[in-house]
Amino acid sequence: EAQGLGEAFAMMSRQPVLLLDTNVRHPSLHELLQVAPEPGLTDYLIGTAQFDAVVHSTSVIGLSVVPAGNSTASSAAEVAQAERYASLLDIARQRFRYVILDSAPMLPYADSVILAHQVDGAVIVLSQRERRKSEAAEMTRLLHGLNTKIFGAILSRS
């Protein structure tokens, strides 16, 4: 879903878009966008790679991705608390018009809740197979409790 959103933003806005794979438990953006899995986010965070080295171009004009990298972190909570994470977001915001974070599912993990403090807003993704009103309501409640803007929702086929 983040991949499709990033591609749409890049094609329609003609502005630079960065997808950031913060789902270090189950990273997938590198496979979906056919880029090398590393260097990536965790490599930047531990200081073994600089920003430009972790940003990979994709086949979509204007769309770049930072894959999860050599996963030494077990959750986005560790990622978000890393000393270099704030600088990564600052650099990304300076160089890209849109920065989209792909994270682990919100309800089974606290990762998205922790990341929500550092974003301008969130898009709720609901699985078509497992959609439940109660889950959508819970995610909405959590995001509102964090004062995170909800930009919209996506109903996913997966």
Protein backbone atom coordinates (compact mmCIF):
# COMPACT_ATOMS: atom_id res chain seq x y z
CA GLU A 1 0.00 0.00 0.00
CA ALA A 2 2.83 2.42 0.78
CA GLN A 3 4.41 1.46 -2.53
CA GLY A 4 1.23 2.28 -4.48
CA LEU A 5 0.78 5.53 -2.58
CA GLY A 6 4.38 6.55 -3.24
CA GLU A 7 4.11 5.71 -6.94
CA ALA A 8 0.87 7.69 -7.26
CA PHE A 9 2.34 10.73 -5.48
CA ALA A 10 5.48 10.64 -7.65
CA MET A 11 3.58 10.29 -10.92
CA MET A 12 0.80 12.76 -10.17
CA SER A 13 2.70 15.46 -8.29
CA ARG A 14 5.95 15.23 -10.29
CA GLN A 15 7.65 15.99 -6.99
CA PRO A 16 10.33 13.83 -5.35
CA VAL A 17 8.92 11.12 -3.07
CA LEU A 18 10.80 8.97 -0.56
CA LEU A 19 9.46 5.69 0.79
CA LEU A 20 11.04 4.70 4.09
CA ASP A 21 10.71 1.03 5.11
CA THR A 22 10.44 1.16 8.90
CA ASN A 23 8.93 -2.32 9.05
CA VAL A 24 12.16 -3.93 10.19
CA ARG A 25 10.29 -7.06 11.35
CA HIS A 26 9.09 -7.89 7.83
CA PRO A 27 10.64 -5.47 5.33
CA SER A 28 9.19 -5.68 1.82
CA LEU A 29 9.67 -2.42 -0.06
CA HIS A 30 13.04 -3.50 -1.47
CA GLU A 31 11.43 -6.56 -3.06
CA LEU A 32 8.36 -4.71 -4.33
CA LEU A 33 10.46 -1.96 -5.88
CA GLN A 34 13.28 -4.27 -6.98
CA VAL A 35 16.15 -2.54 -5.22
CA ALA A 36 18.97 -3.91 -3.08
CA PRO A 37 17.91 -4.56 0.54
CA GLU A 38 20.96 -2.76 1.87
CA PRO A 39 22.40 -0.41 2.68
CA GLY A 40 19.24 0.87 4.29
CA LEU A 41 17.62 2.41 7.31
CA THR A 42 19.30 0.36 10.01
CA ASP A 43 22.70 0.78 8.33
CA TYR A 44 22.25 4.56 8.51
CA LEU A 45 21.09 4.40 12.12
CA ILE A 46 24.13 2.47 13.31
CA GLY A 47 26.43 4.77 11.34
CA THR A 48 27.76 2.33 8.74
CA ALA A 49 26.17 4.25 5.83
CA GLN A 50 25.44 7.88 5.01
CA PHE A 51 22.06 9.21 3.84
CA ASP A 52 22.88 9.25 0.12
CA ALA A 53 24.05 5.64 0.28
CA VAL A 54 20.78 4.34 1.73
CA VAL A 55 18.50 6.12 -0.76
CA HIS A 56 17.86 3.86 -3.76
CA SER A 57 16.32 5.02 -7.03
CA THR A 58 13.40 3.03 -8.42
CA SER A 59 12.03 2.51 -11.91
CA VAL A 60 9.36 5.14 -11.17
CA ILE A 61 10.54 8.65 -12.00
CA GLY A 62 10.69 10.75 -8.82
CA LEU A 63 10.31 7.79 -6.45
CA SER A 64 13.16 6.69 -4.18
CA VAL A 65 13.21 4.19 -1.34
CA VAL A 66 15.20 3.58 1.81
CA PRO A 67 14.94 -0.16 2.46
CA ALA A 68 14.97 -1.48 6.02
CA GLY A 69 18.61 -2.50 5.61
CA ASN A 70 20.68 -5.00 7.53
CA SER A 71 18.14 -5.43 10.28
CA THR A 72 19.85 -5.12 13.61
CA ALA A 73 16.73 -3.56 15.11
CA SER A 74 13.86 -5.80 16.11
CA SER A 75 11.16 -3.14 15.92
CA ALA A 76 10.38 0.34 14.71
CA ALA A 77 10.42 1.36 18.37
CA GLU A 78 14.18 0.76 18.36
CA VAL A 79 14.44 2.59 15.04
CA ALA A 80 12.50 5.64 16.24
CA GLN A 81 14.58 5.85 19.41
CA ALA A 82 17.89 5.63 17.56
CA GLU A 83 20.01 8.75 17.91
CA ARG A 84 20.34 9.28 14.14
CA TYR A 85 16.64 8.74 13.31
CA ALA A 86 15.64 12.39 13.77
CA SER A 87 18.49 13.52 11.52
CA LEU A 88 17.43 11.02 8.86
CA LEU A 89 13.90 12.45 8.87
CA ASP A 90 15.25 16.02 8.78
CA ILE A 91 17.43 15.29 5.75
CA ALA A 92 14.59 13.41 4.03
CA ARG A 93 12.17 16.30 4.56
CA GLN A 94 14.70 18.75 3.11
CA ARG A 95 15.36 16.70 -0.02
CA PHE A 96 11.94 15.20 -0.76
CA ARG A 97 8.51 16.79 -1.11
CA TYR A 98 6.82 13.71 0.34
CA VAL A 99 8.25 11.21 2.82
CA ILE A 100 6.11 8.12 3.33
CA LEU A 101 6.87 5.66 6.12
CA ASP A 102 5.83 2.04 5.69
CA SER A 103 5.44 0.47 9.11
CA ALA A 104 4.29 -2.74 10.74
CA PRO A 105 0.56 -3.19 11.32
CA MET A 106 -0.68 -0.82 14.00
CA LEU A 107 -2.72 -3.05 16.27
CA PRO A 108 -0.49 -6.05 16.92
CA TYR A 109 2.60 -3.86 17.33
CA ALA A 110 3.31 -0.56 19.06
CA ASP A 111 5.74 0.45 16.29
CA SER A 112 3.27 2.59 14.34
CA VAL A 113 2.11 4.34 17.48
CA ILE A 114 5.69 5.33 18.30
CA LEU A 115 6.33 6.50 14.72
CA ALA A 116 3.07 8.51 14.73
CA HIS A 117 4.72 11.12 16.96
CA GLN A 118 7.18 11.96 14.20
CA VAL A 119 4.93 12.25 11.14
CA ASP A 120 2.61 14.90 9.75
CA GLY A 121 -0.22 12.41 9.41
CA ALA A 122 -1.23 8.81 8.86
CA VAL A 123 -3.11 6.72 6.35
CA ILE A 124 -4.98 3.79 7.86
CA VAL A 125 -4.68 0.58 5.84
CA LEU A 126 -7.36 -2.05 6.32
CA SER A 127 -7.21 -5.56 4.91
CA GLN A 128 -10.21 -6.41 2.77
CA ARG A 129 -10.13 -9.98 4.06
CA GLU A 130 -9.96 -9.06 7.73
CA ARG A 131 -11.59 -5.66 7.95
CA ARG A 132 -13.47 -5.04 11.13
CA LYS A 133 -15.20 -1.88 12.19
CA SER A 134 -13.75 -2.31 15.66
CA GLU A 135 -10.17 -2.34 14.30
CA ALA A 136 -10.73 0.79 12.22
CA ALA A 137 -12.29 2.50 15.22
CA GLU A 138 -9.40 1.45 17.49
CA MET A 139 -6.77 2.73 15.04
CA THR A 140 -8.66 6.00 14.67
CA ARG A 141 -8.92 6.35 18.44
CA LEU A 142 -5.21 5.69 18.92
CA LEU A 143 -4.18 8.20 16.25
CA HIS A 144 -6.54 10.88 17.57
CA GLY A 145 -5.15 10.26 21.07
CA LEU A 146 -1.68 10.98 19.68
CA ASN A 147 -2.93 14.14 17.92
CA THR A 148 -1.96 12.56 14.59
CA LYS A 149 -3.90 13.75 11.57
CA ILE A 150 -5.59 11.01 9.62
CA PHE A 151 -5.19 11.70 5.92
CA GLY A 152 -7.43 8.85 4.85
CA ALA A 153 -7.80 5.10 4.62
CA ILE A 154 -6.90 2.41 2.10
CA LEU A 155 -8.77 -0.85 1.73
CA SER A 156 -6.13 -3.43 0.81
CA ARG A 157 -6.73 -6.66 -1.10
CA SER A 158 -4.20 -8.51 1.07
